[in-house]
Amino acid sequence: MAEPETPKAVPVARSDRSPWNWLLLIPIVLPVLTPLFNHDSPRLWGFPAFYWLQFLFILVGVATTSLVYQMTKKR
């Protein structure tokens, strides 16, 4: 006996295409621009620029990710 035909699922359009997602490139590209932090000065509390800029990059990544999440979450 033949099985009854099941209706084919209609593909759902992706809803994650928001222009806010482009901001996520900032924390990826910023640390790759090595001329920004390839020097010893300025020093911040005795730390060379390389070290405190790495911490700054972390904060930029967290802030950017949080902003994109808040602007794109479903309500």
PDB file of N, CA and C in Angstrom:
ATOM      1  N   MET A   1       0.847  -1.162   0.000  1.00  0.00           N
ATOM      2  CA  MET A   1       0.000   0.000   0.000  1.00  0.00           C
ATOM      3  C   MET A   1       0.901   1.236   0.000  1.00  0.00           C
ATOM      4  N   ALA A   2       0.531   2.181  -0.771  1.00  0.00           N
ATOM      5  CA  ALA A   2       1.348   3.391  -0.907  1.00  0.00           C
ATOM      6  C   ALA A   2       1.114   4.330   0.274  1.00  0.00           C
ATOM      7  N   GLU A   3       2.202   4.938   0.689  1.00  0.00           N
ATOM      8  CA  GLU A   3       2.118   5.905   1.785  1.00  0.00           C
ATOM      9  C   GLU A   3       1.475   7.199   1.267  1.00  0.00           C
ATOM     10  N   PRO A   4       0.672   7.843   2.079  1.00  0.00           N
ATOM     11  CA  PRO A   4       0.132   9.130   1.633  1.00  0.00           C
ATOM     12  C   PRO A   4       1.259  10.175   1.580  1.00  0.00           C
ATOM     13  N   GLU A   5       1.141  11.057   0.615  1.00  0.00           N
ATOM     14  CA  GLU A   5       2.190  12.067   0.448  1.00  0.00           C
ATOM     15  C   GLU A   5       2.152  13.061   1.606  1.00  0.00           C
ATOM     16  N   THR A   6       3.330  13.301   2.138  1.00  0.00           N
ATOM     17  CA  THR A   6       3.414  14.295   3.200  1.00  0.00           C
ATOM     18  C   THR A   6       3.753  15.639   2.566  1.00  0.00           C
ATOM     19  N   PRO A   7       3.186  16.700   3.089  1.00  0.00           N
ATOM     20  CA  PRO A   7       3.497  18.008   2.499  1.00  0.00           C
ATOM     21  C   PRO A   7       4.961  18.357   2.749  1.00  0.00           C
ATOM     22  N   LYS A   8       5.585  18.885   1.723  1.00  0.00           N
ATOM     23  CA  LYS A   8       6.999  19.245   1.846  1.00  0.00           C
ATOM     24  C   LYS A   8       7.109  20.547   2.637  1.00  0.00           C
ATOM     25  N   ALA A   9       8.122  20.568   3.471  1.00  0.00           N
ATOM     26  CA  ALA A   9       8.338  21.753   4.287  1.00  0.00           C
ATOM     27  C   ALA A   9       8.841  22.898   3.408  1.00  0.00           C
ATOM     28  N   VAL A  10       8.261  24.042   3.605  1.00  0.00           N
ATOM     29  CA  VAL A  10       8.678  25.226   2.871  1.00  0.00           C
ATOM     30  C   VAL A  10       9.864  25.829   3.606  1.00  0.00           C
ATOM     31  N   PRO A  11      10.968  26.078   2.911  1.00  0.00           N
ATOM     32  CA  PRO A  11      12.123  26.645   3.600  1.00  0.00           C
ATOM     33  C   PRO A  11      11.785  28.026   4.172  1.00  0.00           C
ATOM     34  N   VAL A  12      12.185  28.210   5.404  1.00  0.00           N
ATOM     35  CA  VAL A  12      11.935  29.474   6.083  1.00  0.00           C
ATOM     36  C   VAL A  12      13.057  30.446   5.727  1.00  0.00           C
ATOM     37  N   ALA A  13      12.668  31.663   5.443  1.00  0.00           N
ATOM     38  CA  ALA A  13      13.671  32.679   5.119  1.00  0.00           C
ATOM     39  C   ALA A  13      14.525  32.972   6.345  1.00  0.00           C
ATOM     40  N   ARG A  14      15.818  33.142   6.121  1.00  0.00           N
ATOM     41  CA  ARG A  14      16.726  33.433   7.237  1.00  0.00           C
ATOM     42  C   ARG A  14      16.424  34.815   7.783  1.00  0.00           C
ATOM     43  N   SER A  15      16.385  34.901   9.078  1.00  0.00           N
ATOM     44  CA  SER A  15      16.071  36.184   9.701  1.00  0.00           C
ATOM     45  C   SER A  15      17.281  36.802  10.386  1.00  0.00           C
ATOM     46  N   ASP A  16      18.465  36.225  10.187  1.00  0.00           N
ATOM     47  CA  ASP A  16      19.649  36.740  10.866  1.00  0.00           C
ATOM     48  C   ASP A  16      20.472  37.682   9.986  1.00  0.00           C
ATOM     49  N   ARG A  17      19.893  38.176   8.940  1.00  0.00           N
ATOM     50  CA  ARG A  17      20.609  39.087   8.043  1.00  0.00           C
ATOM     51  C   ARG A  17      20.299  40.530   8.442  1.00  0.00           C
ATOM     52  N   SER A  18      21.006  40.971   9.435  1.00  0.00           N
ATOM     53  CA  SER A  18      20.826  42.330   9.931  1.00  0.00           C
ATOM     54  C   SER A  18      22.084  43.131   9.646  1.00  0.00           C
ATOM     55  N   PRO A  19      21.930  44.408   9.306  1.00  0.00           N
ATOM     56  CA  PRO A  19      23.119  45.232   9.098  1.00  0.00           C
ATOM     57  C   PRO A  19      23.948  45.387  10.370  1.00  0.00           C
ATOM     58  N   TRP A  20      23.347  45.168  11.513  1.00  0.00           N
ATOM     59  CA  TRP A  20      24.082  45.255  12.783  1.00  0.00           C
ATOM     60  C   TRP A  20      25.189  44.207  12.851  1.00  0.00           C
ATOM     61  N   ASN A  21      25.025  43.095  12.153  1.00  0.00           N
ATOM     62  CA  ASN A  21      26.026  42.023  12.182  1.00  0.00           C
ATOM     63  C   ASN A  21      27.368  42.470  11.605  1.00  0.00           C
ATOM     64  N   TRP A  22      27.370  43.493  10.752  1.00  0.00           N
ATOM     65  CA  TRP A  22      28.625  43.985  10.181  1.00  0.00           C
ATOM     66  C   TRP A  22      29.541  44.547  11.257  1.00  0.00           C
ATOM     67  N   LEU A  23      28.977  44.996  12.377  1.00  0.00           N
ATOM     68  CA  LEU A  23      29.814  45.516  13.462  1.00  0.00           C
ATOM     69  C   LEU A  23      30.712  44.440  14.063  1.00  0.00           C
ATOM     70  N   LEU A  24      30.359  43.186  13.874  1.00  0.00           N
ATOM     71  CA  LEU A  24      31.160  42.098  14.426  1.00  0.00           C
ATOM     72  C   LEU A  24      32.517  41.975  13.732  1.00  0.00           C
ATOM     73  N   LEU A  25      32.696  42.653  12.628  1.00  0.00           N
ATOM     74  CA  LEU A  25      34.004  42.647  11.961  1.00  0.00           C
ATOM     75  C   LEU A  25      35.028  43.492  12.713  1.00  0.00           C
ATOM     76  N   ILE A  26      34.561  44.464  13.489  1.00  0.00           N
ATOM     77  CA  ILE A  26      35.485  45.356  14.206  1.00  0.00           C
ATOM     78  C   ILE A  26      36.412  44.573  15.136  1.00  0.00           C
ATOM     79  N   PRO A  27      35.884  43.706  16.045  1.00  0.00           N
ATOM     80  CA  PRO A  27      36.815  43.000  16.928  1.00  0.00           C
ATOM     81  C   PRO A  27      37.663  41.942  16.218  1.00  0.00           C
ATOM     82  N   ILE A  28      37.344  41.624  14.983  1.00  0.00           N
ATOM     83  CA  ILE A  28      38.159  40.675  14.228  1.00  0.00           C
ATOM     84  C   ILE A  28      39.293  41.406  13.516  1.00  0.00           C
ATOM     85  N   VAL A  29      38.980  42.530  12.904  1.00  0.00           N
ATOM     86  CA  VAL A  29      39.952  43.261  12.098  1.00  0.00           C
ATOM     87  C   VAL A  29      40.893  44.103  12.960  1.00  0.00           C
ATOM     88  N   LEU A  30      40.397  44.676  14.022  1.00  0.00           N
ATOM     89  CA  LEU A  30      41.199  45.583  14.845  1.00  0.00           C
ATOM     90  C   LEU A  30      42.498  44.961  15.361  1.00  0.00           C
ATOM     91  N   PRO A  31      42.490  43.757  15.934  1.00  0.00           N
ATOM     92  CA  PRO A  31      43.767  43.185  16.401  1.00  0.00           C
ATOM     93  C   PRO A  31      44.722  42.787  15.270  1.00  0.00           C
ATOM     94  N   VAL A  32      44.205  42.665  14.063  1.00  0.00           N
ATOM     95  CA  VAL A  32      45.055  42.281  12.937  1.00  0.00           C
ATOM     96  C   VAL A  32      45.865  43.477  12.423  1.00  0.00           C
ATOM     97  N   LEU A  33      45.429  44.667  12.734  1.00  0.00           N
ATOM     98  CA  LEU A  33      46.130  45.877  12.297  1.00  0.00           C
ATOM     99  C   LEU A  33      47.315  46.128  13.231  1.00  0.00           C
ATOM    100  N   THR A  34      48.373  45.363  13.036  1.00  0.00           N
ATOM    101  CA  THR A  34      49.514  45.404  13.953  1.00  0.00           C
ATOM    102  C   THR A  34      50.234  46.746  14.039  1.00  0.00           C
ATOM    103  N   PRO A  35      50.224  47.608  13.020  1.00  0.00           N
ATOM    104  CA  PRO A  35      50.880  48.909  13.212  1.00  0.00           C
ATOM    105  C   PRO A  35      50.257  49.743  14.335  1.00  0.00           C
ATOM    106  N   LEU A  36      49.035  49.395  14.741  1.00  0.00           N
ATOM    107  CA  LEU A  36      48.406  50.122  15.847  1.00  0.00           C
ATOM    108  C   LEU A  36      49.121  49.897  17.178  1.00  0.00           C
ATOM    109  N   PHE A  37      49.677  48.717  17.366  1.00  0.00           N
ATOM    110  CA  PHE A  37      50.247  48.398  18.674  1.00  0.00           C
ATOM    111  C   PHE A  37      51.657  47.827  18.592  1.00  0.00           C
ATOM    112  N   ASN A  38      52.357  48.058  17.508  1.00  0.00           N
ATOM    113  CA  ASN A  38      53.705  47.542  17.334  1.00  0.00           C
ATOM    114  C   ASN A  38      54.747  48.560  17.806  1.00  0.00           C
ATOM    115  N   HIS A  39      54.562  49.036  19.038  1.00  0.00           N
ATOM    116  CA  HIS A  39      55.513  49.986  19.601  1.00  0.00           C
ATOM    117  C   HIS A  39      55.453  49.917  21.125  1.00  0.00           C
ATOM    118  N   ASP A  40      56.436  50.493  21.745  1.00  0.00           N
ATOM    119  CA  ASP A  40      56.563  50.409  23.204  1.00  0.00           C
ATOM    120  C   ASP A  40      55.825  51.539  23.918  1.00  0.00           C
ATOM    121  N   SER A  41      55.764  52.684  23.306  1.00  0.00           N
ATOM    122  CA  SER A  41      55.112  53.815  23.962  1.00  0.00           C
ATOM    123  C   SER A  41      53.778  54.089  23.254  1.00  0.00           C
ATOM    124  N   PRO A  42      52.821  54.660  23.863  1.00  0.00           N
ATOM    125  CA  PRO A  42      52.806  55.192  25.211  1.00  0.00           C
ATOM    126  C   PRO A  42      52.609  54.082  26.244  1.00  0.00           C
ATOM    127  N   ARG A  43      53.077  54.333  27.411  1.00  0.00           N
ATOM    128  CA  ARG A  43      52.897  53.391  28.515  1.00  0.00           C
ATOM    129  C   ARG A  43      51.733  53.848  29.372  1.00  0.00           C
ATOM    130  N   LEU A  44      50.987  52.897  29.853  1.00  0.00           N
ATOM    131  CA  LEU A  44      49.849  53.171  30.726  1.00  0.00           C
ATOM    132  C   LEU A  44      50.075  52.419  32.017  1.00  0.00           C
ATOM    133  N   TRP A  45      50.293  53.131  33.111  1.00  0.00           N
ATOM    134  CA  TRP A  45      50.610  52.537  34.411  1.00  0.00           C
ATOM    135  C   TRP A  45      51.830  51.611  34.319  1.00  0.00           C
ATOM    136  N   GLY A  46      52.779  51.962  33.502  1.00  0.00           N
ATOM    137  CA  GLY A  46      54.005  51.196  33.361  1.00  0.00           C
ATOM    138  C   GLY A  46      53.923  50.064  32.355  1.00  0.00           C
ATOM    139  N   PHE A  47      52.757  49.801  31.803  1.00  0.00           N
ATOM    140  CA  PHE A  47      52.594  48.721  30.819  1.00  0.00           C
ATOM    141  C   PHE A  47      52.816  49.276  29.419  1.00  0.00           C
ATOM    142  N   PRO A  48      53.581  48.563  28.575  1.00  0.00           N
ATOM    143  CA  PRO A  48      53.754  48.991  27.190  1.00  0.00           C
ATOM    144  C   PRO A  48      52.417  48.969  26.438  1.00  0.00           C
ATOM    145  N   ALA A  49      52.370  49.714  25.354  1.00  0.00           N
ATOM    146  CA  ALA A  49      51.138  49.843  24.571  1.00  0.00           C
ATOM    147  C   ALA A  49      50.586  48.482  24.141  1.00  0.00           C
ATOM    148  N   PHE A  50      51.465  47.541  23.807  1.00  0.00           N
ATOM    149  CA  PHE A  50      51.000  46.231  23.340  1.00  0.00           C
ATOM    150  C   PHE A  50      50.070  45.572  24.353  1.00  0.00           C
ATOM    151  N   TYR A  51      50.442  45.609  25.627  1.00  0.00           N
ATOM    152  CA  TYR A  51      49.656  44.893  26.641  1.00  0.00           C
ATOM    153  C   TYR A  51      48.322  45.569  26.920  1.00  0.00           C
ATOM    154  N   TRP A  52      48.329  46.892  27.119  1.00  0.00           N
ATOM    155  CA  TRP A  52      47.049  47.504  27.447  1.00  0.00           C
ATOM    156  C   TRP A  52      46.137  47.604  26.238  1.00  0.00           C
ATOM    157  N   LEU A  53      46.695  47.621  25.030  1.00  0.00           N
ATOM    158  CA  LEU A  53      45.838  47.586  23.847  1.00  0.00           C
ATOM    159  C   LEU A  53      45.175  46.217  23.680  1.00  0.00           C
ATOM    160  N   GLN A  54      45.848  45.152  24.096  1.00  0.00           N
ATOM    161  CA  GLN A  54      45.217  43.826  24.041  1.00  0.00           C
ATOM    162  C   GLN A  54      43.988  43.781  24.951  1.00  0.00           C
ATOM    163  N   PHE A  55      44.099  44.372  26.132  1.00  0.00           N
ATOM    164  CA  PHE A  55      42.939  44.446  27.023  1.00  0.00           C
ATOM    165  C   PHE A  55      41.846  45.341  26.435  1.00  0.00           C
ATOM    166  N   LEU A  56      42.255  46.399  25.772  1.00  0.00           N
ATOM    167  CA  LEU A  56      41.280  47.272  25.119  1.00  0.00           C
ATOM    168  C   LEU A  56      40.547  46.533  24.008  1.00  0.00           C
ATOM    169  N   PHE A  57      41.263  45.697  23.251  1.00  0.00           N
ATOM    170  CA  PHE A  57      40.633  44.919  22.194  1.00  0.00           C
ATOM    171  C   PHE A  57      39.588  43.966  22.764  1.00  0.00           C
ATOM    172  N   ILE A  58      39.846  43.404  23.934  1.00  0.00           N
ATOM    173  CA  ILE A  58      38.872  42.529  24.581  1.00  0.00           C
ATOM    174  C   ILE A  58      37.614  43.315  24.922  1.00  0.00           C
ATOM    175  N   LEU A  59      37.793  44.500  25.492  1.00  0.00           N
ATOM    176  CA  LEU A  59      36.638  45.330  25.848  1.00  0.00           C
ATOM    177  C   LEU A  59      35.851  45.762  24.610  1.00  0.00           C
ATOM    178  N   VAL A  60      36.555  46.086  23.533  1.00  0.00           N
ATOM    179  CA  VAL A  60      35.880  46.448  22.286  1.00  0.00           C
ATOM    180  C   VAL A  60      35.074  45.256  21.759  1.00  0.00           C
ATOM    181  N   GLY A  61      35.643  44.057  21.835  1.00  0.00           N
ATOM    182  CA  GLY A  61      34.933  42.859  21.385  1.00  0.00           C
ATOM    183  C   GLY A  61      33.687  42.579  22.206  1.00  0.00           C
ATOM    184  N   VAL A  62      33.803  42.713  23.518  1.00  0.00           N
ATOM    185  CA  VAL A  62      32.643  42.484  24.392  1.00  0.00           C
ATOM    186  C   VAL A  62      31.564  43.532  24.131  1.00  0.00           C
ATOM    187  N   ALA A  63      31.962  44.788  24.030  1.00  0.00           N
ATOM    188  CA  ALA A  63      30.994  45.859  23.793  1.00  0.00           C
ATOM    189  C   ALA A  63      30.303  45.699  22.442  1.00  0.00           C
ATOM    190  N   THR A  64      31.068  45.358  21.423  1.00  0.00           N
ATOM    191  CA  THR A  64      30.493  45.187  20.089  1.00  0.00           C
ATOM    192  C   THR A  64      29.531  44.008  20.048  1.00  0.00           C
ATOM    193  N   THR A  65      29.943  42.888  20.638  1.00  0.00           N
ATOM    194  CA  THR A  65      29.077  41.712  20.660  1.00  0.00           C
ATOM    195  C   THR A  65      27.799  41.991  21.437  1.00  0.00           C
ATOM    196  N   SER A  66      27.905  42.681  22.559  1.00  0.00           N
ATOM    197  CA  SER A  66      26.721  43.013  23.356  1.00  0.00           C
ATOM    198  C   SER A  66      25.784  43.940  22.584  1.00  0.00           C
ATOM    199  N   LEU A  67      26.346  44.931  21.917  1.00  0.00           N
ATOM    200  CA  LEU A  67      25.523  45.854  21.139  1.00  0.00           C
ATOM    201  C   LEU A  67      24.789  45.132  20.014  1.00  0.00           C
ATOM    202  N   VAL A  68      25.496  44.291  19.287  1.00  0.00           N
ATOM    203  CA  VAL A  68      24.868  43.558  18.181  1.00  0.00           C
ATOM    204  C   VAL A  68      23.798  42.615  18.719  1.00  0.00           C
ATOM    205  N   TYR A  69      24.055  41.974  19.835  1.00  0.00           N
ATOM    206  CA  TYR A  69      23.054  41.083  20.424  1.00  0.00           C
ATOM    207  C   TYR A  69      21.795  41.858  20.819  1.00  0.00           C
ATOM    208  N   GLN A  70      21.982  42.976  21.496  1.00  0.00           N
ATOM    209  CA  GLN A  70      20.830  43.761  21.947  1.00  0.00           C
ATOM    210  C   GLN A  70      20.022  44.306  20.764  1.00  0.00           C
ATOM    211  N   MET A  71      20.689  44.688  19.690  1.00  0.00           N
ATOM    212  CA  MET A  71      19.984  45.284  18.548  1.00  0.00           C
ATOM    213  C   MET A  71      19.342  44.239  17.646  1.00  0.00           C
ATOM    214  N   THR A  72      19.766  42.987  17.723  1.00  0.00           N
ATOM    215  CA  THR A  72      19.217  41.968  16.817  1.00  0.00           C
ATOM    216  C   THR A  72      18.368  40.907  17.512  1.00  0.00           C
ATOM    217  N   LYS A  73      18.237  40.959  18.832  1.00  0.00           N
ATOM    218  CA  LYS A  73      17.467  39.905  19.497  1.00  0.00           C
ATOM    219  C   LYS A  73      15.992  40.080  19.197  1.00  0.00           C
ATOM    220  N   LYS A  74      15.302  38.975  19.212  1.00  0.00           N
ATOM    221  CA  LYS A  74      13.871  38.964  18.962  1.00  0.00           C
ATOM    222  C   LYS A  74      13.147  39.431  20.214  1.00  0.00           C
ATOM    223  N   ARG A  75      12.125  40.167  20.031  1.00  0.00           N
ATOM    224  CA  ARG A  75      11.355  40.650  21.191  1.00  0.00           C
ATOM    225  C   ARG A  75      10.123  39.835  21.381  1.00  0.00           C
TER     226      ARG A  75
END
